[in-house]
């Protein structure tokens, strides 16, 4: 993810297997410092330090746990772009790029 990338509450509810599908759940509360929003709109941008109270089905919980631990999966949900993971995949992707575009 790029610095300054906008992440919304709705991004959290995207299914990591198909980002166009939605996980079964809802944000009940967003707390930002002393401010609180009850049932915040899914278009609200999340900021570092925000706290969320979420409710959903068991399958949503397991997917949210996966998203929380897997940065590439989270980046895919937010941006729609899949990134290679690991040295071998990054090496293979870089081999296909012209030298001027390589890291």
PDB file of N, CA and C in Angstrom:
ATOM      1  N   UNK A   1       0.847  -1.172   0.000  1.00  0.00           N
ATOM      2  CA  UNK A   1       0.000   0.000   0.000  1.00  0.00           C
ATOM      3  C   UNK A   1       0.890   1.233   0.000  1.00  0.00           C
ATOM      4  N   UNK A   2       0.412   2.257  -0.651  1.00  0.00           N
ATOM      5  CA  UNK A   2       1.158   3.507  -0.725  1.00  0.00           C
ATOM      6  C   UNK A   2       0.803   4.377   0.461  1.00  0.00           C
ATOM      7  N   UNK A   3       1.766   5.187   0.895  1.00  0.00           N
ATOM      8  CA  UNK A   3       1.486   6.143   1.963  1.00  0.00           C
ATOM      9  C   UNK A   3       0.375   7.067   1.487  1.00  0.00           C
ATOM     10  N   UNK A   4      -0.567   7.336   2.351  1.00  0.00           N
ATOM     11  CA  UNK A   4      -1.662   8.208   1.987  1.00  0.00           C
ATOM     12  C   UNK A   4      -2.797   7.503   1.264  1.00  0.00           C
ATOM     13  N   UNK A   5      -2.707   6.179   1.115  1.00  0.00           N
ATOM     14  CA  UNK A   5      -3.767   5.411   0.448  1.00  0.00           C
ATOM     15  C   UNK A   5      -5.043   5.499   1.281  1.00  0.00           C
ATOM     16  N   UNK A   6      -6.145   5.811   0.663  1.00  0.00           N
ATOM     17  CA  UNK A   6      -7.427   5.939   1.347  1.00  0.00           C
ATOM     18  C   UNK A   6      -8.039   4.554   1.575  1.00  0.00           C
ATOM     19  N   UNK A   7      -8.362   4.260   2.828  1.00  0.00           N
ATOM     20  CA  UNK A   7      -8.999   3.000   3.196  1.00  0.00           C
ATOM     21  C   UNK A   7     -10.320   3.333   3.861  1.00  0.00           C
ATOM     22  N   UNK A   8     -11.395   2.727   3.374  1.00  0.00           N
ATOM     23  CA  UNK A   8     -12.718   2.989   3.935  1.00  0.00           C
ATOM     24  C   UNK A   8     -13.201   1.794   4.751  1.00  0.00           C
ATOM     25  N   UNK A   9     -14.235   2.012   5.535  1.00  0.00           N
ATOM     26  CA  UNK A   9     -14.849   0.920   6.289  1.00  0.00           C
ATOM     27  C   UNK A   9     -15.342  -0.146   5.318  1.00  0.00           C
ATOM     28  N   UNK A  10     -15.894   0.273   4.192  1.00  0.00           N
ATOM     29  CA  UNK A  10     -16.384  -0.677   3.193  1.00  0.00           C
ATOM     30  C   UNK A  10     -15.295  -1.574   2.636  1.00  0.00           C
ATOM     31  N   UNK A  11     -14.053  -1.068   2.559  1.00  0.00           N
ATOM     32  CA  UNK A  11     -12.942  -1.897   2.079  1.00  0.00           C
ATOM     33  C   UNK A  11     -12.734  -3.112   2.971  1.00  0.00           C
ATOM     34  N   UNK A  12     -12.996  -2.968   4.268  1.00  0.00           N
ATOM     35  CA  UNK A  12     -12.818  -4.084   5.198  1.00  0.00           C
ATOM     36  C   UNK A  12     -13.794  -5.224   4.929  1.00  0.00           C
ATOM     37  N   UNK A  13     -14.932  -4.905   4.330  1.00  0.00           N
ATOM     38  CA  UNK A  13     -15.966  -5.908   4.104  1.00  0.00           C
ATOM     39  C   UNK A  13     -15.871  -6.561   2.734  1.00  0.00           C
ATOM     40  N   UNK A  14     -14.818  -6.257   1.971  1.00  0.00           N
ATOM     41  CA  UNK A  14     -14.616  -6.933   0.687  1.00  0.00           C
ATOM     42  C   UNK A  14     -14.104  -8.347   0.946  1.00  0.00           C
ATOM     43  N   UNK A  15     -14.589  -9.275   0.161  1.00  0.00           N
ATOM     44  CA  UNK A  15     -14.166 -10.669   0.304  1.00  0.00           C
ATOM     45  C   UNK A  15     -12.801 -10.847  -0.350  1.00  0.00           C
ATOM     46  N   UNK A  16     -11.786 -11.345   0.373  1.00  0.00           N
ATOM     47  CA  UNK A  16     -10.451 -11.484  -0.213  1.00  0.00           C
ATOM     48  C   UNK A  16     -10.388 -12.493  -1.363  1.00  0.00           C
ATOM     49  N   UNK A  17     -11.389 -13.342  -1.506  1.00  0.00           N
ATOM     50  CA  UNK A  17     -11.414 -14.290  -2.630  1.00  0.00           C
ATOM     51  C   UNK A  17     -11.993 -13.641  -3.882  1.00  0.00           C
ATOM     52  N   UNK A  18     -12.794 -12.598  -3.694  1.00  0.00           N
ATOM     53  CA  UNK A  18     -13.424 -11.873  -4.797  1.00  0.00           C
ATOM     54  C   UNK A  18     -13.794 -10.489  -4.264  1.00  0.00           C
ATOM     55  N   UNK A  19     -12.976  -9.498  -4.557  1.00  0.00           N
ATOM     56  CA  UNK A  19     -13.153  -8.183  -3.937  1.00  0.00           C
ATOM     57  C   UNK A  19     -14.464  -7.492  -4.308  1.00  0.00           C
ATOM     58  N   UNK A  20     -15.153  -7.990  -5.332  1.00  0.00           N
ATOM     59  CA  UNK A  20     -16.452  -7.424  -5.699  1.00  0.00           C
ATOM     60  C   UNK A  20     -17.570  -7.965  -4.806  1.00  0.00           C
ATOM     61  N   UNK A  21     -17.313  -9.081  -4.126  1.00  0.00           N
ATOM     62  CA  UNK A  21     -18.289  -9.662  -3.203  1.00  0.00           C
ATOM     63  C   UNK A  21     -18.105  -9.022  -1.826  1.00  0.00           C
ATOM     64  N   UNK A  22     -19.166  -9.070  -1.032  1.00  0.00           N
ATOM     65  CA  UNK A  22     -19.150  -8.436   0.287  1.00  0.00           C
ATOM     66  C   UNK A  22     -19.278  -9.502   1.365  1.00  0.00           C
ATOM     67  N   UNK A  23     -18.488  -9.344   2.430  1.00  0.00           N
ATOM     68  CA  UNK A  23     -18.600 -10.234   3.581  1.00  0.00           C
ATOM     69  C   UNK A  23     -19.846  -9.856   4.384  1.00  0.00           C
ATOM     70  N   UNK A  24     -20.473 -10.838   5.039  1.00  0.00           N
ATOM     71  CA  UNK A  24     -21.691 -10.554   5.811  1.00  0.00           C
ATOM     72  C   UNK A  24     -21.363  -9.926   7.169  1.00  0.00           C
ATOM     73  N   UNK A  25     -21.467  -8.611   7.254  1.00  0.00           N
ATOM     74  CA  UNK A  25     -21.198  -7.930   8.510  1.00  0.00           C
ATOM     75  C   UNK A  25     -21.480  -6.446   8.416  1.00  0.00           C
ATOM     76  N   UNK A  26     -21.319  -5.784   9.545  1.00  0.00           N
ATOM     77  CA  UNK A  26     -21.587  -4.355   9.622  1.00  0.00           C
ATOM     78  C   UNK A  26     -20.684  -3.726  10.685  1.00  0.00           C
ATOM     79  N   UNK A  27     -20.301  -2.484  10.477  1.00  0.00           N
ATOM     80  CA  UNK A  27     -19.580  -1.722  11.492  1.00  0.00           C
ATOM     81  C   UNK A  27     -20.624  -1.077  12.401  1.00  0.00           C
ATOM     82  N   UNK A  28     -20.550  -1.393  13.686  1.00  0.00           N
ATOM     83  CA  UNK A  28     -21.520  -0.856  14.631  1.00  0.00           C
ATOM     84  C   UNK A  28     -21.071   0.479  15.222  1.00  0.00           C
ATOM     85  N   UNK A  29     -19.755   0.645  15.382  1.00  0.00           N
ATOM     86  CA  UNK A  29     -19.248   1.846  16.033  1.00  0.00           C
ATOM     87  C   UNK A  29     -17.852   2.151  15.517  1.00  0.00           C
ATOM     88  N   UNK A  30     -17.596   3.423  15.257  1.00  0.00           N
ATOM     89  CA  UNK A  30     -16.260   3.910  14.933  1.00  0.00           C
ATOM     90  C   UNK A  30     -15.895   4.929  16.000  1.00  0.00           C
ATOM     91  N   UNK A  31     -14.763   4.697  16.650  1.00  0.00           N
ATOM     92  CA  UNK A  31     -14.280   5.634  17.673  1.00  0.00           C
ATOM     93  C   UNK A  31     -12.960   6.217  17.196  1.00  0.00           C
ATOM     94  N   UNK A  32     -12.905   7.540  17.177  1.00  0.00           N
ATOM     95  CA  UNK A  32     -11.709   8.280  16.750  1.00  0.00           C
ATOM     96  C   UNK A  32     -11.427   9.325  17.827  1.00  0.00           C
ATOM     97  N   UNK A  33     -10.472   8.987  18.708  1.00  0.00           N
ATOM     98  CA  UNK A  33     -10.209   9.883  19.832  1.00  0.00           C
ATOM     99  C   UNK A  33     -11.438   9.958  20.723  1.00  0.00           C
ATOM    100  N   UNK A  34     -11.969  11.168  20.929  1.00  0.00           N
ATOM    101  CA  UNK A  34     -13.163  11.339  21.759  1.00  0.00           C
ATOM    102  C   UNK A  34     -14.449  11.303  20.926  1.00  0.00           C
ATOM    103  N   UNK A  35     -14.329  11.255  19.603  1.00  0.00           N
ATOM    104  CA  UNK A  35     -15.496  11.221  18.724  1.00  0.00           C
ATOM    105  C   UNK A  35     -15.955   9.792  18.492  1.00  0.00           C
ATOM    106  N   UNK A  36     -17.273   9.614  18.394  1.00  0.00           N
ATOM    107  CA  UNK A  36     -17.836   8.293  18.124  1.00  0.00           C
ATOM    108  C   UNK A  36     -18.950   8.406  17.085  1.00  0.00           C
ATOM    109  N   UNK A  37     -18.993   7.445  16.165  1.00  0.00           N
ATOM    110  CA  UNK A  37     -20.056   7.345  15.178  1.00  0.00           C
ATOM    111  C   UNK A  37     -20.741   5.999  15.357  1.00  0.00           C
ATOM    112  N   UNK A  38     -22.049   6.018  15.546  1.00  0.00           N
ATOM    113  CA  UNK A  38     -22.818   4.787  15.648  1.00  0.00           C
ATOM    114  C   UNK A  38     -23.250   4.396  14.240  1.00  0.00           C
ATOM    115  N   UNK A  39     -23.028   3.152  13.874  1.00  0.00           N
ATOM    116  CA  UNK A  39     -23.273   2.611  12.529  1.00  0.00           C
ATOM    117  C   UNK A  39     -22.724   3.589  11.477  1.00  0.00           C
ATOM    118  N   UNK A  40     -21.411   3.743  11.453  1.00  0.00           N
ATOM    119  CA  UNK A  40     -20.800   4.686  10.513  1.00  0.00           C
ATOM    120  C   UNK A  40     -21.005   4.247   9.070  1.00  0.00           C
ATOM    121  N   UNK A  41     -21.070   5.212   8.182  1.00  0.00           N
ATOM    122  CA  UNK A  41     -21.228   4.940   6.757  1.00  0.00           C
ATOM    123  C   UNK A  41     -19.995   4.212   6.240  1.00  0.00           C
ATOM    124  N   UNK A  42     -20.200   3.261   5.346  1.00  0.00           N
ATOM    125  CA  UNK A  42     -19.092   2.466   4.817  1.00  0.00           C
ATOM    126  C   UNK A  42     -18.129   3.275   3.961  1.00  0.00           C
ATOM    127  N   UNK A  43     -18.519   4.472   3.565  1.00  0.00           N
ATOM    128  CA  UNK A  43     -17.629   5.308   2.757  1.00  0.00           C
ATOM    129  C   UNK A  43     -16.660   6.134   3.612  1.00  0.00           C
ATOM    130  N   UNK A  44     -16.804   6.044   4.944  1.00  0.00           N
ATOM    131  CA  UNK A  44     -15.920   6.809   5.835  1.00  0.00           C
ATOM    132  C   UNK A  44     -14.489   6.293   5.725  1.00  0.00           C
ATOM    133  N   UNK A  45     -13.558   7.225   5.598  1.00  0.00           N
ATOM    134  CA  UNK A  45     -12.136   6.887   5.531  1.00  0.00           C
ATOM    135  C   UNK A  45     -11.629   6.570   6.933  1.00  0.00           C
ATOM    136  N   UNK A  46     -10.857   5.493   7.027  1.00  0.00           N
ATOM    137  CA  UNK A  46     -10.259   5.114   8.304  1.00  0.00           C
ATOM    138  C   UNK A  46      -8.908   5.811   8.467  1.00  0.00           C
ATOM    139  N   UNK A  47      -8.616   6.196   9.702  1.00  0.00           N
ATOM    140  CA  UNK A  47      -7.345   6.826  10.035  1.00  0.00           C
ATOM    141  C   UNK A  47      -6.604   5.942  11.031  1.00  0.00           C
ATOM    142  N   UNK A  48      -5.285   6.084  11.051  1.00  0.00           N
ATOM    143  CA  UNK A  48      -4.473   5.338  12.016  1.00  0.00           C
ATOM    144  C   UNK A  48      -4.977   5.657  13.424  1.00  0.00           C
ATOM    145  N   UNK A  49      -5.188   4.619  14.218  1.00  0.00           N
ATOM    146  CA  UNK A  49      -5.665   4.795  15.586  1.00  0.00           C
ATOM    147  C   UNK A  49      -7.165   4.660  15.740  1.00  0.00           C
ATOM    148  N   UNK A  50      -7.908   4.627  14.629  1.00  0.00           N
ATOM    149  CA  UNK A  50      -9.351   4.426  14.723  1.00  0.00           C
ATOM    150  C   UNK A  50      -9.644   3.065  15.349  1.00  0.00           C
ATOM    151  N   UNK A  51     -10.749   3.008  16.086  1.00  0.00           N
ATOM    152  CA  UNK A  51     -11.193   1.751  16.671  1.00  0.00           C
ATOM    153  C   UNK A  51     -12.573   1.442  16.121  1.00  0.00           C
ATOM    154  N   UNK A  52     -12.778   0.179  15.741  1.00  0.00           N
ATOM    155  CA  UNK A  52     -14.055  -0.240  15.185  1.00  0.00           C
ATOM    156  C   UNK A  52     -14.664  -1.364  16.003  1.00  0.00           C
ATOM    157  N   UNK A  53     -15.961  -1.323  16.156  1.00  0.00           N
ATOM    158  CA  UNK A  53     -16.712  -2.442  16.714  1.00  0.00           C
ATOM    159  C   UNK A  53     -17.484  -3.038  15.546  1.00  0.00           C
ATOM    160  N   UNK A  54     -17.179  -4.285  15.216  1.00  0.00           N
ATOM    161  CA  UNK A  54     -17.770  -4.938  14.057  1.00  0.00           C
ATOM    162  C   UNK A  54     -18.665  -6.080  14.497  1.00  0.00           C
ATOM    163  N   UNK A  55     -19.687  -6.354  13.704  1.00  0.00           N
ATOM    164  CA  UNK A  55     -20.559  -7.511  13.929  1.00  0.00           C
ATOM    165  C   UNK A  55     -20.744  -8.215  12.592  1.00  0.00           C
ATOM    166  N   UNK A  56     -20.686  -9.541  12.629  1.00  0.00           N
ATOM    167  CA  UNK A  56     -20.854 -10.286  11.390  1.00  0.00           C
ATOM    168  C   UNK A  56     -20.944 -11.770  11.646  1.00  0.00           C
ATOM    169  N   UNK A  57     -21.101 -12.492  10.580  1.00  0.00           N
ATOM    170  CA  UNK A  57     -21.172 -13.948  10.664  1.00  0.00           C
ATOM    171  C   UNK A  57     -19.791 -14.544  10.892  1.00  0.00           C
ATOM    172  N   UNK A  58     -19.778 -15.805  11.279  1.00  0.00           N
ATOM    173  CA  UNK A  58     -18.521 -16.498  11.577  1.00  0.00           C
ATOM    174  C   UNK A  58     -17.575 -16.468  10.378  1.00  0.00           C
ATOM    175  N   UNK A  59     -18.093 -16.683   9.164  1.00  0.00           N
ATOM    176  CA  UNK A  59     -17.219 -16.684   7.982  1.00  0.00           C
ATOM    177  C   UNK A  59     -16.585 -15.319   7.748  1.00  0.00           C
ATOM    178  N   UNK A  60     -17.271 -14.250   8.106  1.00  0.00           N
ATOM    179  CA  UNK A  60     -16.704 -12.907   7.974  1.00  0.00           C
ATOM    180  C   UNK A  60     -15.551 -12.741   8.956  1.00  0.00           C
ATOM    181  N   UNK A  61     -15.696 -13.274  10.139  1.00  0.00           N
ATOM    182  CA  UNK A  61     -14.636 -13.166  11.148  1.00  0.00           C
ATOM    183  C   UNK A  61     -13.358 -13.853  10.679  1.00  0.00           C
ATOM    184  N   UNK A  62     -13.490 -15.034  10.114  1.00  0.00           N
ATOM    185  CA  UNK A  62     -12.284 -15.737   9.667  1.00  0.00           C
ATOM    186  C   UNK A  62     -11.619 -14.994   8.506  1.00  0.00           C
ATOM    187  N   UNK A  63     -12.410 -14.420   7.605  1.00  0.00           N
ATOM    188  CA  UNK A  63     -11.843 -13.658   6.491  1.00  0.00           C
ATOM    189  C   UNK A  63     -11.186 -12.365   6.981  1.00  0.00           C
ATOM    190  N   UNK A  64     -11.807 -11.679   7.937  1.00  0.00           N
ATOM    191  CA  UNK A  64     -11.217 -10.460   8.498  1.00  0.00           C
ATOM    192  C   UNK A  64      -9.902 -10.776   9.216  1.00  0.00           C
ATOM    193  N   UNK A  65      -9.850 -11.924   9.883  1.00  0.00           N
ATOM    194  CA  UNK A  65      -8.593 -12.334  10.527  1.00  0.00           C
ATOM    195  C   UNK A  65      -7.510 -12.567   9.492  1.00  0.00           C
ATOM    196  N   UNK A  66      -7.876 -13.174   8.358  1.00  0.00           N
ATOM    197  CA  UNK A  66      -6.922 -13.406   7.265  1.00  0.00           C
ATOM    198  C   UNK A  66      -6.422 -12.065   6.714  1.00  0.00           C
ATOM    199  N   UNK A  67      -7.333 -11.138   6.473  1.00  0.00           N
ATOM    200  CA  UNK A  67      -6.977  -9.821   5.935  1.00  0.00           C
ATOM    201  C   UNK A  67      -6.032  -9.101   6.898  1.00  0.00           C
ATOM    202  N   UNK A  68      -6.310  -9.204   8.184  1.00  0.00           N
ATOM    203  CA  UNK A  68      -5.505  -8.526   9.198  1.00  0.00           C
ATOM    204  C   UNK A  68      -4.054  -9.020   9.193  1.00  0.00           C
ATOM    205  N   UNK A  69      -3.844 -10.290   8.908  1.00  0.00           N
ATOM    206  CA  UNK A  69      -2.499 -10.868   8.947  1.00  0.00           C
ATOM    207  C   UNK A  69      -1.787 -10.840   7.604  1.00  0.00           C
ATOM    208  N   UNK A  70      -2.514 -10.616   6.517  1.00  0.00           N
ATOM    209  CA  UNK A  70      -1.921 -10.722   5.191  1.00  0.00           C
ATOM    210  C   UNK A  70      -1.953  -9.365   4.495  1.00  0.00           C
ATOM    211  N   UNK A  71      -0.824  -8.671   4.487  1.00  0.00           N
ATOM    212  CA  UNK A  71      -0.754  -7.312   3.925  1.00  0.00           C
ATOM    213  C   UNK A  71      -1.045  -7.287   2.428  1.00  0.00           C
ATOM    214  N   UNK A  72      -0.610  -8.297   1.687  1.00  0.00           N
ATOM    215  CA  UNK A  72      -0.879  -8.317   0.248  1.00  0.00           C
ATOM    216  C   UNK A  72      -2.372  -8.478  -0.023  1.00  0.00           C
ATOM    217  N   UNK A  73      -3.042  -9.296   0.779  1.00  0.00           N
ATOM    218  CA  UNK A  73      -4.485  -9.470   0.624  1.00  0.00           C
ATOM    219  C   UNK A  73      -5.213  -8.159   0.914  1.00  0.00           C
ATOM    220  N   UNK A  74      -4.787  -7.467   1.961  1.00  0.00           N
ATOM    221  CA  UNK A  74      -5.398  -6.180   2.313  1.00  0.00           C
ATOM    222  C   UNK A  74      -5.185  -5.154   1.204  1.00  0.00           C
ATOM    223  N   UNK A  75      -3.968  -5.110   0.677  1.00  0.00           N
ATOM    224  CA  UNK A  75      -3.667  -4.175  -0.411  1.00  0.00           C
ATOM    225  C   UNK A  75      -4.527  -4.478  -1.633  1.00  0.00           C
ATOM    226  N   UNK A  76      -4.756  -5.753  -1.930  1.00  0.00           N
ATOM    227  CA  UNK A  76      -5.614  -6.136  -3.056  1.00  0.00           C
ATOM    228  C   UNK A  76      -7.043  -5.644  -2.840  1.00  0.00           C
ATOM    229  N   UNK A  77      -7.552  -5.784  -1.631  1.00  0.00           N
ATOM    230  CA  UNK A  77      -8.925  -5.340  -1.352  1.00  0.00           C
ATOM    231  C   UNK A  77      -9.081  -3.840  -1.552  1.00  0.00           C
ATOM    232  N   UNK A  78      -8.078  -3.088  -1.164  1.00  0.00           N
ATOM    233  CA  UNK A  78      -8.152  -1.626  -1.250  1.00  0.00           C
ATOM    234  C   UNK A  78      -7.893  -1.125  -2.663  1.00  0.00           C
ATOM    235  N   UNK A  79      -6.871  -1.684  -3.332  1.00  0.00           N
ATOM    236  CA  UNK A  79      -6.458  -1.149  -4.631  1.00  0.00           C
ATOM    237  C   UNK A  79      -6.970  -1.937  -5.831  1.00  0.00           C
ATOM    238  N   UNK A  80      -7.279  -3.219  -5.617  1.00  0.00           N
ATOM    239  CA  UNK A  80      -7.687  -4.077  -6.734  1.00  0.00           C
ATOM    240  C   UNK A  80      -6.504  -4.648  -7.491  1.00  0.00           C
ATOM    241  N   UNK A  81      -5.293  -4.364  -7.042  1.00  0.00           N
ATOM    242  CA  UNK A  81      -4.085  -4.851  -7.715  1.00  0.00           C
ATOM    243  C   UNK A  81      -3.430  -5.937  -6.870  1.00  0.00           C
ATOM    244  N   UNK A  82      -3.130  -7.054  -7.516  1.00  0.00           N
ATOM    245  CA  UNK A  82      -2.430  -8.131  -6.829  1.00  0.00           C
ATOM    246  C   UNK A  82      -0.940  -7.879  -6.918  1.00  0.00           C
ATOM    247  N   UNK A  83      -0.244  -8.072  -5.794  1.00  0.00           N
ATOM    248  CA  UNK A  83       1.200  -7.884  -5.755  1.00  0.00           C
ATOM    249  C   UNK A  83       1.870  -9.222  -5.516  1.00  0.00           C
ATOM    250  N   UNK A  84       3.038  -9.425  -6.113  1.00  0.00           N
ATOM    251  CA  UNK A  84       3.765 -10.667  -5.856  1.00  0.00           C
ATOM    252  C   UNK A  84       4.221 -10.716  -4.405  1.00  0.00           C
ATOM    253  N   UNK A  85       4.284 -11.917  -3.869  1.00  0.00           N
ATOM    254  CA  UNK A  85       4.694 -12.092  -2.488  1.00  0.00           C
ATOM    255  C   UNK A  85       5.891 -13.025  -2.428  1.00  0.00           C
ATOM    256  N   UNK A  86       6.939 -12.589  -1.790  1.00  0.00           N
ATOM    257  CA  UNK A  86       8.126 -13.410  -1.640  1.00  0.00           C
ATOM    258  C   UNK A  86       9.178 -13.076  -2.675  1.00  0.00           C
ATOM    259  N   UNK A  87      10.393 -13.456  -2.375  1.00  0.00           N
ATOM    260  CA  UNK A  87      11.531 -13.119  -3.228  1.00  0.00           C
ATOM    261  C   UNK A  87      11.432 -13.727  -4.624  1.00  0.00           C
ATOM    262  N   UNK A  88      11.013 -14.985  -4.705  1.00  0.00           N
ATOM    263  CA  UNK A  88      10.959 -15.657  -6.013  1.00  0.00           C
ATOM    264  C   UNK A  88       9.947 -14.981  -6.917  1.00  0.00           C
ATOM    265  N   UNK A  89       8.745 -14.693  -6.410  1.00  0.00           N
ATOM    266  CA  UNK A  89       7.719 -14.042  -7.234  1.00  0.00           C
ATOM    267  C   UNK A  89       8.142 -12.646  -7.645  1.00  0.00           C
ATOM    268  N   UNK A  90       8.726 -11.895  -6.729  1.00  0.00           N
ATOM    269  CA  UNK A  90       9.194 -10.549  -7.078  1.00  0.00           C
ATOM    270  C   UNK A  90      10.291 -10.625  -8.141  1.00  0.00           C
ATOM    271  N   UNK A  91      11.194 -11.590  -8.018  1.00  0.00           N
ATOM    272  CA  UNK A  91      12.255 -11.767  -9.007  1.00  0.00           C
ATOM    273  C   UNK A  91      11.663 -12.083 -10.380  1.00  0.00           C
ATOM    274  N   UNK A  92      10.661 -12.973 -10.415  1.00  0.00           N
ATOM    275  CA  UNK A  92      10.034 -13.332 -11.690  1.00  0.00           C
ATOM    276  C   UNK A  92       9.337 -12.133 -12.326  1.00  0.00           C
ATOM    277  N   UNK A  93       8.628 -11.354 -11.532  1.00  0.00           N
ATOM    278  CA  UNK A  93       7.937 -10.169 -12.055  1.00  0.00           C
ATOM    279  C   UNK A  93       8.960  -9.172 -12.573  1.00  0.00           C
ATOM    280  N   UNK A  94      10.035  -8.933 -11.823  1.00  0.00           N
ATOM    281  CA  UNK A  94      11.058  -7.968 -12.236  1.00  0.00           C
ATOM    282  C   UNK A  94      11.780  -8.406 -13.504  1.00  0.00           C
ATOM    283  N   UNK A  95      11.922  -9.700 -13.734  1.00  0.00           N
ATOM    284  CA  UNK A  95      12.591 -10.192 -14.941  1.00  0.00           C
ATOM    285  C   UNK A  95      11.847  -9.769 -16.201  1.00  0.00           C
ATOM    286  N   UNK A  96      10.541  -9.630 -16.104  1.00  0.00           N
ATOM    287  CA  UNK A  96       9.717  -9.276 -17.266  1.00  0.00           C
ATOM    288  C   UNK A  96       9.730  -7.781 -17.553  1.00  0.00           C
ATOM    289  N   UNK A  97      10.143  -6.967 -16.577  1.00  0.00           N
ATOM    290  CA  UNK A  97      10.150  -5.513 -16.747  1.00  0.00           C
ATOM    291  C   UNK A  97      11.428  -5.068 -17.442  1.00  0.00           C
ATOM    292  N   UNK A  98      11.333  -3.988 -18.217  1.00  0.00           N
ATOM    293  CA  UNK A  98      12.558  -3.404 -18.784  1.00  0.00           C
ATOM    294  C   UNK A  98      13.474  -2.926 -17.651  1.00  0.00           C
ATOM    295  N   UNK A  99      14.758  -2.905 -17.875  1.00  0.00           N
ATOM    296  CA  UNK A  99      15.717  -2.499 -16.848  1.00  0.00           C
ATOM    297  C   UNK A  99      15.397  -1.121 -16.265  1.00  0.00           C
ATOM    298  N   UNK A 100      14.898  -0.221 -17.072  1.00  0.00           N
ATOM    299  CA  UNK A 100      14.602   1.139 -16.610  1.00  0.00           C
ATOM    300  C   UNK A 100      13.476   1.183 -15.573  1.00  0.00           C
ATOM    301  N   UNK A 101      12.615   0.135 -15.533  1.00  0.00           N
ATOM    302  CA  UNK A 101      11.487   0.110 -14.601  1.00  0.00           C
ATOM    303  C   UNK A 101      11.757  -0.729 -13.357  1.00  0.00           C
ATOM    304  N   UNK A 102      12.871  -1.435 -13.308  1.00  0.00           N
ATOM    305  CA  UNK A 102      13.171  -2.308 -12.171  1.00  0.00           C
ATOM    306  C   UNK A 102      13.565  -1.497 -10.957  1.00  0.00           C
ATOM    307  N   UNK A 103      13.357  -2.097  -9.781  1.00  0.00           N
ATOM    308  CA  UNK A 103      13.693  -1.450  -8.509  1.00  0.00           C
ATOM    309  C   UNK A 103      15.172  -1.224  -8.382  1.00  0.00           C
TER     310      UNK A 103
END
